[in-house]
Each structure stands twice: as C-alpha cells, then as structure tokens.
Amino acid sequence: MISRRPGPAGRCPRSPELPEHPDYPRILAVFNEATGPLRARDICQALDHALLPKNIEGAPAKLKHLVKLDTTGGAG
C-alpha cells in the first residue's frame, strides 16, 4: 500500500517541474481525491489502464519518480 502525507490544505502540492508524461499529473489528481491508502492496482484503475502486470508493476516506478521530485508531500 502507498500512503501520502497531505500538503497544505490537505492537498498534495503540485510542482511545475513534472515530467512531460501525461500520467504524472493524473497520478497526483488520484492522490488528491484519495481518502486512504492506494495500491498500484488502484492507480492503474483510476488512470483507465488495463490491469496487466506490466502496468501494475510500472505504477510504483512512476510513484517513486514523483517522490524523488518531492511532488507528493514526502510520501514514501
């Protein structure tokens, strides 16, 4: 499970330096709407990705990239 620490006003901060891939802002939107912990499978479903192993296994890498950029409020 992946949990998040909310930023100011209970929202994850949005960084202007997000990677160009369209999934990154969508992932942050999923976290902003989440009321509890998320799994990689939950993120794939929210992004309308097929629930294939390659998609589910790739989600944590994208999350780690966001954490590395410090866009999720220090989750991880």
Protein backbone atom coordinates (compact mmCIF):
# COMPACT_ATOMS: atom_id res chain seq x y z
CA MET A 1 0.00 0.00 0.00
CA ILE A 2 1.05 3.53 -0.67
CA SER A 3 0.02 6.30 1.63
CA ARG A 4 0.53 10.00 1.33
CA ARG A 5 1.16 12.91 3.60
CA PRO A 6 -1.06 15.80 2.60
CA GLY A 7 0.47 19.17 1.91
CA PRO A 8 -1.12 22.49 2.81
CA ALA A 9 -4.93 22.43 2.99
CA GLY A 10 -4.90 18.61 2.80
CA ARG A 11 -3.76 18.52 -0.82
CA CYS A 12 -0.61 17.17 -2.40
CA PRO A 13 1.46 20.06 -3.69
CA ARG A 14 1.68 20.47 -7.45
CA SER A 15 5.15 21.01 -8.88
CA PRO A 16 5.62 22.98 -12.10
CA GLU A 17 8.50 20.63 -12.94
CA LEU A 18 6.51 17.44 -13.53
CA PRO A 19 7.78 15.08 -16.21
CA GLU A 20 6.07 15.51 -19.58
CA HIS A 21 4.32 12.13 -19.47
CA PRO A 22 0.55 12.69 -19.11
CA ASP A 23 0.22 10.12 -16.30
CA TYR A 24 2.11 12.19 -13.73
CA PRO A 25 -0.46 14.98 -13.25
CA ARG A 26 -3.22 12.35 -13.35
CA ILE A 27 -1.48 10.34 -10.61
CA LEU A 28 -1.31 13.46 -8.43
CA ALA A 29 -5.01 14.06 -9.07
CA VAL A 30 -5.75 10.49 -7.92
CA PHE A 31 -3.82 11.14 -4.70
CA ASN A 32 -5.67 14.42 -4.15
CA GLU A 33 -9.01 12.61 -4.41
CA ALA A 34 -7.97 9.60 -2.32
CA THR A 35 -9.37 9.23 1.16
CA GLY A 36 -7.00 6.47 2.20
CA PRO A 37 -4.01 4.40 1.09
CA LEU A 38 -3.68 3.39 -2.55
CA ARG A 39 -2.25 0.34 -4.23
CA ALA A 40 -0.57 0.34 -7.64
CA ARG A 41 -3.63 -1.51 -8.95
CA ASP A 42 -5.90 1.30 -7.69
CA ILE A 43 -3.82 3.87 -9.53
CA CYS A 44 -3.96 1.86 -12.77
CA GLN A 45 -7.75 1.62 -12.46
CA ALA A 46 -8.06 5.35 -11.81
CA LEU A 47 -5.93 6.08 -14.89
CA ASP A 48 -8.03 3.69 -17.01
CA HIS A 49 -5.01 1.49 -17.73
CA ALA A 50 -5.56 -2.18 -18.45
CA LEU A 51 -4.93 -4.21 -15.31
CA LEU A 52 -2.00 -6.04 -16.83
CA PRO A 53 1.11 -6.94 -14.86
CA LYS A 54 3.26 -4.56 -16.93
CA ASN A 55 1.00 -1.61 -16.00
CA ILE A 56 0.59 -2.54 -12.35
CA GLU A 57 4.33 -3.18 -11.95
CA GLY A 58 5.16 0.13 -13.68
CA ALA A 59 2.99 2.24 -11.38
CA PRO A 60 5.38 2.09 -8.38
CA ALA A 61 8.24 3.32 -10.59
CA LYS A 62 6.20 6.38 -11.56
CA LEU A 63 5.34 6.96 -7.90
CA LYS A 64 8.99 6.70 -6.89
CA HIS A 65 9.84 9.22 -9.60
CA LEU A 66 7.27 11.64 -8.17
CA VAL A 67 8.63 11.15 -4.66
CA LYS A 68 12.14 11.77 -5.97
CA LEU A 69 10.87 15.07 -7.39
CA ASP A 70 9.21 15.74 -3.99
CA THR A 71 5.78 16.35 -5.52
CA THR A 72 3.78 14.07 -3.23
CA GLY A 73 4.48 15.84 0.04
CA GLY A 74 7.22 13.43 1.14
CA ALA A 75 5.34 10.12 0.78
CA GLY A 76 7.46 7.04 0.90
